[in-house]
């Protein structure tokens, strides 16, 4: 279903999530589908980078209180997402970019997603649990893309 506010960039996030997961599945599926999978995943990562810049003030509360300079880290993460997405998409040091992206997302899983998922009973916190597993899937997809032979794609 199309959002009534389809011009709002954030409303496309759910579609982007599904496309990126499909992209990961296509990369795993086989040689002929790898380029499409990499493209879907990369475009989603790039869209998330844009989200980091557009919604930095709203997302600042998601950064744990023990980490200083919340906006700085959101902008840095946005820049890292953008650079890795472009690098993977254009096959510029794809292995390095995908590996670093996977490491970065795994760090987020450990310091952001797992604590938030465990912070409240499941009945009130299902979105955080889903978000943790989604981030873990992105991490795994990035590592799979890092292992794709760049001469074949």
N, C-alpha and C. Protein backbone atom coordinates (compact mmCIF):
# COMPACT_ATOMS: atom_id res chain seq x y z
N UNK A 1 0.83 -1.17 0.00
CA UNK A 1 0.00 0.00 0.00
C UNK A 1 0.88 1.24 0.00
N UNK A 2 0.55 2.19 -0.80
CA UNK A 2 1.31 3.43 -0.90
C UNK A 2 0.89 4.38 0.21
N UNK A 3 1.88 4.98 0.85
CA UNK A 3 1.60 5.92 1.94
C UNK A 3 0.89 7.15 1.40
N UNK A 4 -0.05 7.70 2.15
CA UNK A 4 -0.68 8.95 1.71
C UNK A 4 0.32 10.11 1.71
N UNK A 5 1.41 9.92 2.41
CA UNK A 5 2.45 10.94 2.48
C UNK A 5 3.68 10.44 1.71
N UNK A 6 3.49 9.99 0.49
CA UNK A 6 4.55 9.34 -0.28
C UNK A 6 5.72 10.25 -0.62
N UNK A 7 5.55 11.56 -0.49
CA UNK A 7 6.65 12.48 -0.76
C UNK A 7 7.59 12.61 0.44
N UNK A 8 7.19 12.05 1.56
CA UNK A 8 8.01 12.07 2.77
C UNK A 8 9.01 10.92 2.68
N UNK A 9 10.29 11.26 2.66
CA UNK A 9 11.34 10.26 2.43
C UNK A 9 11.27 9.10 3.43
N UNK A 10 11.00 9.40 4.68
CA UNK A 10 10.96 8.37 5.71
C UNK A 10 9.87 7.34 5.51
N UNK A 11 8.81 7.69 4.79
CA UNK A 11 7.72 6.75 4.55
C UNK A 11 8.11 5.60 3.62
N UNK A 12 9.21 5.73 2.95
CA UNK A 12 9.67 4.68 2.04
C UNK A 12 10.58 3.67 2.73
N UNK A 13 10.81 3.85 4.03
CA UNK A 13 11.75 3.00 4.74
C UNK A 13 11.35 1.53 4.74
N UNK A 14 10.07 1.22 4.95
CA UNK A 14 9.65 -0.18 4.97
C UNK A 14 9.88 -0.86 3.63
N UNK A 15 9.60 -0.15 2.54
CA UNK A 15 9.87 -0.73 1.22
C UNK A 15 11.37 -0.95 1.04
N UNK A 16 12.17 -0.02 1.51
CA UNK A 16 13.62 -0.15 1.39
C UNK A 16 14.11 -1.36 2.19
N UNK A 17 13.55 -1.58 3.36
CA UNK A 17 13.93 -2.74 4.17
C UNK A 17 13.68 -4.03 3.40
N UNK A 18 12.51 -4.13 2.81
CA UNK A 18 12.17 -5.34 2.07
C UNK A 18 13.06 -5.53 0.85
N UNK A 19 13.36 -4.44 0.15
CA UNK A 19 14.24 -4.53 -1.01
C UNK A 19 15.65 -4.95 -0.62
N UNK A 20 16.14 -4.44 0.49
CA UNK A 20 17.49 -4.80 0.90
C UNK A 20 17.57 -6.27 1.32
N UNK A 21 16.55 -6.76 2.01
CA UNK A 21 16.54 -8.17 2.37
C UNK A 21 16.42 -9.05 1.13
N UNK A 22 15.60 -8.62 0.18
CA UNK A 22 15.52 -9.34 -1.10
C UNK A 22 16.87 -9.30 -1.81
N UNK A 23 17.54 -8.16 -1.75
CA UNK A 23 18.86 -8.04 -2.35
C UNK A 23 19.84 -9.03 -1.76
N UNK A 24 19.82 -9.16 -0.44
CA UNK A 24 20.69 -10.14 0.21
C UNK A 24 20.38 -11.55 -0.24
N UNK A 25 19.10 -11.87 -0.35
CA UNK A 25 18.71 -13.21 -0.82
C UNK A 25 19.17 -13.45 -2.25
N UNK A 26 19.09 -12.42 -3.09
CA UNK A 26 19.52 -12.57 -4.48
C UNK A 26 21.03 -12.77 -4.58
N UNK A 27 21.78 -12.12 -3.72
CA UNK A 27 23.24 -12.31 -3.73
C UNK A 27 23.57 -13.75 -3.38
N UNK A 28 22.85 -14.30 -2.42
CA UNK A 28 23.09 -15.67 -2.00
C UNK A 28 22.59 -16.66 -3.05
N UNK A 29 21.54 -16.29 -3.78
CA UNK A 29 20.88 -17.21 -4.71
C UNK A 29 21.75 -17.68 -5.86
N UNK A 30 22.60 -16.83 -6.36
CA UNK A 30 23.43 -17.30 -7.46
C UNK A 30 23.98 -16.22 -8.35
N UNK A 31 24.85 -16.66 -9.22
CA UNK A 31 25.65 -15.76 -10.05
C UNK A 31 24.84 -14.76 -10.85
N UNK A 32 23.79 -15.18 -11.49
CA UNK A 32 23.04 -14.28 -12.37
C UNK A 32 22.29 -13.19 -11.61
N UNK A 33 21.96 -13.45 -10.37
CA UNK A 33 21.17 -12.50 -9.59
C UNK A 33 22.02 -11.61 -8.68
N UNK A 34 23.31 -11.89 -8.59
CA UNK A 34 24.18 -11.12 -7.69
C UNK A 34 24.16 -9.63 -8.00
N UNK A 35 24.31 -9.20 -9.26
CA UNK A 35 24.32 -7.75 -9.51
C UNK A 35 23.04 -7.05 -9.06
N UNK A 36 21.89 -7.67 -9.29
CA UNK A 36 20.63 -7.08 -8.86
C UNK A 36 20.57 -7.00 -7.34
N UNK A 37 20.99 -8.06 -6.68
CA UNK A 37 20.99 -8.07 -5.22
C UNK A 37 21.89 -7.00 -4.63
N UNK A 38 23.08 -6.85 -5.20
CA UNK A 38 24.01 -5.83 -4.74
C UNK A 38 23.42 -4.44 -4.96
N UNK A 39 22.78 -4.24 -6.09
CA UNK A 39 22.17 -2.94 -6.39
C UNK A 39 21.06 -2.61 -5.39
N UNK A 40 20.17 -3.56 -5.12
CA UNK A 40 19.08 -3.32 -4.18
C UNK A 40 19.61 -3.01 -2.78
N UNK A 41 20.59 -3.78 -2.35
CA UNK A 41 21.17 -3.57 -1.03
C UNK A 41 21.86 -2.21 -0.95
N UNK A 42 22.66 -1.89 -1.95
CA UNK A 42 23.40 -0.62 -1.95
C UNK A 42 22.47 0.59 -1.95
N UNK A 43 21.43 0.53 -2.76
CA UNK A 43 20.49 1.66 -2.81
C UNK A 43 19.79 1.86 -1.47
N UNK A 44 19.51 0.77 -0.79
CA UNK A 44 18.90 0.88 0.54
C UNK A 44 19.87 1.51 1.53
N UNK A 45 21.12 1.08 1.50
CA UNK A 45 22.13 1.65 2.39
C UNK A 45 22.28 3.15 2.12
N UNK A 46 22.29 3.53 0.85
CA UNK A 46 22.38 4.95 0.50
C UNK A 46 21.15 5.71 1.02
N UNK A 47 19.97 5.10 0.90
CA UNK A 47 18.76 5.78 1.41
C UNK A 47 18.82 5.93 2.92
N UNK A 48 19.39 4.95 3.62
CA UNK A 48 19.54 5.08 5.07
C UNK A 48 20.52 6.19 5.43
N UNK A 49 21.53 6.39 4.58
CA UNK A 49 22.46 7.49 4.84
C UNK A 49 21.73 8.83 4.75
N UNK A 50 20.85 8.94 3.78
CA UNK A 50 20.07 10.17 3.63
C UNK A 50 19.17 10.37 4.85
N UNK A 51 18.58 9.28 5.34
CA UNK A 51 17.77 9.35 6.57
C UNK A 51 18.57 9.91 7.74
N UNK A 52 19.84 9.50 7.85
CA UNK A 52 20.67 9.98 8.95
C UNK A 52 20.84 11.50 8.91
N UNK A 53 20.87 12.06 7.72
CA UNK A 53 21.02 13.51 7.61
C UNK A 53 19.68 14.23 7.75
N UNK A 54 18.64 13.69 7.14
CA UNK A 54 17.33 14.34 7.19
C UNK A 54 16.70 14.32 8.59
N UNK A 55 16.92 13.23 9.31
CA UNK A 55 16.24 13.03 10.59
C UNK A 55 17.22 12.93 11.75
N UNK A 56 18.35 13.63 11.66
CA UNK A 56 19.37 13.54 12.71
C UNK A 56 18.84 13.97 14.07
N UNK A 57 18.12 15.06 14.12
CA UNK A 57 17.62 15.55 15.42
C UNK A 57 16.63 14.56 16.03
N UNK A 58 15.79 13.97 15.20
CA UNK A 58 14.82 13.01 15.71
C UNK A 58 15.50 11.73 16.17
N UNK A 59 16.56 11.33 15.50
CA UNK A 59 17.26 10.08 15.82
C UNK A 59 18.29 10.23 16.92
N UNK A 60 18.61 11.45 17.30
CA UNK A 60 19.66 11.68 18.31
C UNK A 60 19.34 10.97 19.63
N UNK A 61 18.07 10.86 19.96
CA UNK A 61 17.68 10.18 21.19
C UNK A 61 17.93 8.69 21.16
N UNK A 62 18.16 8.14 20.00
CA UNK A 62 18.42 6.70 19.87
C UNK A 62 19.85 6.35 20.26
N UNK A 63 20.74 7.34 20.18
CA UNK A 63 22.14 7.12 20.58
C UNK A 63 22.18 7.04 22.10
N UNK A 64 22.84 6.01 22.66
CA UNK A 64 22.87 5.87 24.12
C UNK A 64 23.43 7.12 24.80
N UNK A 65 22.94 7.39 25.99
CA UNK A 65 23.33 8.61 26.71
C UNK A 65 24.81 8.62 27.07
N UNK A 66 25.44 7.46 27.19
CA UNK A 66 26.86 7.41 27.55
C UNK A 66 27.78 7.74 26.38
N UNK A 67 27.22 7.90 25.19
CA UNK A 67 28.01 8.30 24.02
C UNK A 67 27.79 9.81 23.82
N UNK A 68 28.87 10.60 23.89
CA UNK A 68 28.71 12.05 23.72
C UNK A 68 28.52 12.44 22.25
N UNK A 69 28.09 13.66 22.03
CA UNK A 69 27.99 14.26 20.69
C UNK A 69 27.10 13.44 19.75
N UNK A 70 25.88 13.23 20.14
CA UNK A 70 24.94 12.39 19.38
C UNK A 70 24.82 12.79 17.92
N UNK A 71 24.66 14.07 17.64
CA UNK A 71 24.48 14.52 16.25
C UNK A 71 25.73 14.22 15.43
N UNK A 72 26.91 14.43 16.02
CA UNK A 72 28.15 14.12 15.31
C UNK A 72 28.17 12.67 14.86
N UNK A 73 27.82 11.75 15.76
CA UNK A 73 27.86 10.32 15.43
C UNK A 73 26.83 9.96 14.37
N UNK A 74 25.68 10.62 14.40
CA UNK A 74 24.67 10.37 13.37
C UNK A 74 25.16 10.82 12.00
N UNK A 75 25.78 12.00 11.95
CA UNK A 75 26.32 12.48 10.68
C UNK A 75 27.47 11.61 10.20
N UNK A 76 28.33 11.19 11.11
CA UNK A 76 29.44 10.31 10.73
C UNK A 76 28.91 8.98 10.19
N UNK A 77 27.92 8.43 10.87
CA UNK A 77 27.31 7.18 10.41
C UNK A 77 26.64 7.38 9.05
N UNK A 78 25.97 8.51 8.87
CA UNK A 78 25.35 8.81 7.57
C UNK A 78 26.38 8.89 6.46
N UNK A 79 27.51 9.54 6.74
CA UNK A 79 28.57 9.64 5.74
C UNK A 79 29.16 8.26 5.44
N UNK A 80 29.35 7.46 6.48
CA UNK A 80 29.90 6.11 6.28
C UNK A 80 28.94 5.24 5.48
N UNK A 81 27.65 5.34 5.78
CA UNK A 81 26.66 4.59 5.01
C UNK A 81 26.65 5.02 3.55
N UNK A 82 26.69 6.32 3.31
CA UNK A 82 26.68 6.83 1.94
C UNK A 82 27.91 6.35 1.17
N UNK A 83 29.08 6.52 1.76
CA UNK A 83 30.32 6.13 1.07
C UNK A 83 30.37 4.63 0.82
N UNK A 84 29.95 3.83 1.80
CA UNK A 84 29.98 2.39 1.59
C UNK A 84 28.95 1.97 0.55
N UNK A 85 27.76 2.57 0.59
CA UNK A 85 26.74 2.23 -0.41
C UNK A 85 27.18 2.56 -1.82
N UNK A 86 27.77 3.73 -2.01
CA UNK A 86 28.28 4.12 -3.34
C UNK A 86 29.42 3.21 -3.76
N UNK A 87 30.32 2.93 -2.85
CA UNK A 87 31.47 2.08 -3.16
C UNK A 87 31.04 0.68 -3.57
N UNK A 88 30.09 0.11 -2.83
CA UNK A 88 29.59 -1.23 -3.16
C UNK A 88 28.85 -1.20 -4.50
N UNK A 89 28.02 -0.20 -4.69
CA UNK A 89 27.25 -0.08 -5.93
C UNK A 89 28.15 0.05 -7.16
N UNK A 90 29.18 0.87 -7.06
CA UNK A 90 30.06 1.13 -8.20
C UNK A 90 31.26 0.19 -8.27
N UNK A 91 31.32 -0.77 -7.35
CA UNK A 91 32.41 -1.74 -7.30
C UNK A 91 33.78 -1.05 -7.16
N UNK A 92 33.84 -0.07 -6.29
CA UNK A 92 35.09 0.61 -5.98
C UNK A 92 35.51 0.11 -4.60
N UNK A 93 36.53 -0.73 -4.57
CA UNK A 93 36.97 -1.34 -3.30
C UNK A 93 35.78 -1.98 -2.58
N UNK A 94 34.99 -2.72 -3.35
CA UNK A 94 33.75 -3.31 -2.82
C UNK A 94 34.01 -4.19 -1.61
N UNK A 95 35.03 -5.03 -1.68
CA UNK A 95 35.29 -5.95 -0.58
C UNK A 95 35.57 -5.18 0.72
N UNK A 96 36.43 -4.17 0.63
CA UNK A 96 36.76 -3.37 1.81
C UNK A 96 35.53 -2.62 2.33
N UNK A 97 34.80 -1.98 1.43
CA UNK A 97 33.63 -1.20 1.83
C UNK A 97 32.57 -2.09 2.48
N UNK A 98 32.31 -3.25 1.90
CA UNK A 98 31.29 -4.14 2.45
C UNK A 98 31.74 -4.72 3.79
N UNK A 99 33.02 -5.03 3.92
CA UNK A 99 33.53 -5.54 5.19
C UNK A 99 33.40 -4.49 6.29
N UNK A 100 33.83 -3.27 5.99
CA UNK A 100 33.73 -2.19 6.98
C UNK A 100 32.28 -1.88 7.32
N UNK A 101 31.40 -1.93 6.32
CA UNK A 101 29.98 -1.71 6.57
C UNK A 101 29.44 -2.79 7.51
N UNK A 102 29.79 -4.04 7.24
CA UNK A 102 29.34 -5.14 8.10
C UNK A 102 29.83 -4.99 9.53
N UNK A 103 31.08 -4.58 9.69
CA UNK A 103 31.63 -4.36 11.04
C UNK A 103 30.89 -3.22 11.74
N UNK A 104 30.67 -2.12 11.02
CA UNK A 104 29.97 -0.98 11.61
C UNK A 104 28.56 -1.37 12.06
N UNK A 105 27.85 -2.07 11.21
CA UNK A 105 26.48 -2.46 11.57
C UNK A 105 26.49 -3.45 12.73
N UNK A 106 27.48 -4.35 12.77
CA UNK A 106 27.57 -5.28 13.89
C UNK A 106 27.81 -4.54 15.21
N UNK A 107 28.65 -3.52 15.16
CA UNK A 107 28.87 -2.69 16.36
C UNK A 107 27.56 -2.05 16.79
N UNK A 108 26.78 -1.57 15.82
CA UNK A 108 25.47 -0.99 16.16
C UNK A 108 24.56 -2.03 16.80
N UNK A 109 24.61 -3.26 16.29
CA UNK A 109 23.79 -4.32 16.87
C UNK A 109 24.13 -4.48 18.35
N UNK A 110 25.43 -4.50 18.64
CA UNK A 110 25.88 -4.74 20.01
C UNK A 110 25.60 -3.56 20.93
N UNK A 111 25.90 -2.32 20.49
CA UNK A 111 25.78 -1.19 21.42
C UNK A 111 24.43 -0.47 21.36
N UNK A 112 23.67 -0.68 20.29
CA UNK A 112 22.38 0.00 20.17
C UNK A 112 21.20 -0.96 20.20
N UNK A 113 21.18 -1.87 19.24
CA UNK A 113 19.98 -2.67 19.01
C UNK A 113 19.70 -3.69 20.11
N UNK A 114 20.71 -4.43 20.54
CA UNK A 114 20.47 -5.44 21.59
C UNK A 114 20.05 -4.78 22.90
N UNK A 115 20.76 -3.73 23.37
CA UNK A 115 20.28 -3.09 24.61
C UNK A 115 18.85 -2.55 24.52
N UNK A 116 18.50 -1.95 23.39
CA UNK A 116 17.12 -1.45 23.25
C UNK A 116 16.12 -2.61 23.19
N UNK A 117 16.49 -3.69 22.53
CA UNK A 117 15.58 -4.83 22.44
C UNK A 117 15.35 -5.48 23.80
N UNK A 118 16.36 -5.42 24.66
CA UNK A 118 16.24 -6.04 25.99
C UNK A 118 15.72 -5.08 27.06
N UNK A 119 15.54 -3.82 26.70
CA UNK A 119 15.21 -2.80 27.70
C UNK A 119 13.77 -2.81 28.18
N UNK A 120 12.89 -3.48 27.49
CA UNK A 120 11.48 -3.50 27.89
C UNK A 120 10.89 -4.86 27.56
N UNK A 121 9.79 -5.19 28.20
CA UNK A 121 9.13 -6.46 27.87
C UNK A 121 8.79 -6.54 26.38
N UNK A 122 8.84 -7.74 25.86
CA UNK A 122 8.63 -7.97 24.43
C UNK A 122 7.29 -7.41 23.95
N UNK A 123 6.28 -7.48 24.75
CA UNK A 123 4.95 -7.02 24.32
C UNK A 123 4.95 -5.53 23.97
N UNK A 124 5.81 -4.75 24.60
CA UNK A 124 5.86 -3.31 24.32
C UNK A 124 7.04 -2.93 23.44
N UNK A 125 7.85 -3.89 23.05
CA UNK A 125 9.12 -3.56 22.42
C UNK A 125 9.39 -4.36 21.15
N UNK A 126 8.35 -4.86 20.51
CA UNK A 126 8.57 -5.73 19.35
C UNK A 126 9.30 -5.03 18.22
N UNK A 127 9.13 -3.72 18.07
CA UNK A 127 9.82 -2.98 17.02
C UNK A 127 11.32 -2.99 17.21
N UNK A 128 11.77 -2.92 18.46
CA UNK A 128 13.20 -2.93 18.74
C UNK A 128 13.80 -4.31 18.49
N UNK A 129 13.06 -5.35 18.81
CA UNK A 129 13.54 -6.71 18.55
C UNK A 129 13.66 -6.93 17.05
N UNK A 130 12.65 -6.51 16.31
CA UNK A 130 12.69 -6.61 14.85
C UNK A 130 13.85 -5.82 14.29
N UNK A 131 14.07 -4.63 14.81
CA UNK A 131 15.16 -3.78 14.35
C UNK A 131 16.52 -4.44 14.59
N UNK A 132 16.67 -5.12 15.72
CA UNK A 132 17.93 -5.81 16.01
C UNK A 132 18.19 -6.92 14.99
N UNK A 133 17.17 -7.71 14.70
CA UNK A 133 17.35 -8.79 13.72
C UNK A 133 17.56 -8.24 12.31
N UNK A 134 16.91 -7.15 12.00
CA UNK A 134 17.09 -6.52 10.69
C UNK A 134 18.52 -6.03 10.53
N UNK A 135 19.04 -5.37 11.56
CA UNK A 135 20.43 -4.90 11.51
C UNK A 135 21.39 -6.07 11.39
N UNK A 136 21.10 -7.16 12.07
CA UNK A 136 21.95 -8.35 11.95
C UNK A 136 21.90 -8.92 10.54
N UNK A 137 20.74 -8.87 9.90
CA UNK A 137 20.62 -9.32 8.51
C UNK A 137 21.42 -8.43 7.58
N UNK A 138 21.39 -7.12 7.81
CA UNK A 138 22.20 -6.20 7.00
C UNK A 138 23.69 -6.48 7.18
N UNK A 139 24.07 -6.74 8.40
CA UNK A 139 25.46 -7.07 8.69
C UNK A 139 25.88 -8.31 7.90
N UNK A 140 25.08 -9.35 7.96
CA UNK A 140 25.38 -10.57 7.23
C UNK A 140 25.41 -10.37 5.73
N UNK A 141 24.48 -9.58 5.21
CA UNK A 141 24.45 -9.30 3.78
C UNK A 141 25.71 -8.57 3.35
N UNK A 142 26.14 -7.61 4.15
CA UNK A 142 27.37 -6.88 3.82
C UNK A 142 28.56 -7.84 3.78
N UNK A 143 28.64 -8.76 4.74
CA UNK A 143 29.75 -9.72 4.74
C UNK A 143 29.68 -10.68 3.56
N UNK A 144 28.47 -11.07 3.16
CA UNK A 144 28.33 -11.93 1.98
C UNK A 144 28.78 -11.18 0.73
N UNK A 145 28.37 -9.92 0.59
CA UNK A 145 28.78 -9.12 -0.56
C UNK A 145 30.30 -8.95 -0.58
N UNK A 146 30.90 -8.83 0.60
CA UNK A 146 32.36 -8.69 0.67
C UNK A 146 33.07 -9.92 0.10
N UNK A 147 32.41 -11.06 0.17
CA UNK A 147 33.03 -12.29 -0.32
C UNK A 147 32.74 -12.59 -1.78
N UNK A 148 31.87 -11.80 -2.40
CA UNK A 148 31.55 -12.00 -3.82
C UNK A 148 32.77 -11.62 -4.64
N UNK A 149 33.13 -12.47 -5.56
CA UNK A 149 34.29 -12.20 -6.41
C UNK A 149 33.96 -11.02 -7.32
N UNK A 150 34.64 -9.90 -7.12
CA UNK A 150 34.32 -8.68 -7.86
C UNK A 150 34.60 -8.78 -9.35
N UNK A 151 35.38 -9.74 -9.78
CA UNK A 151 35.64 -9.89 -11.21
C UNK A 151 34.46 -10.56 -11.91
N UNK A 152 33.63 -11.28 -11.17
CA UNK A 152 32.47 -11.93 -11.76
C UNK A 152 31.29 -11.00 -11.89
N UNK A 153 31.24 -9.97 -11.08
CA UNK A 153 30.06 -9.11 -11.03
C UNK A 153 30.31 -7.84 -11.79
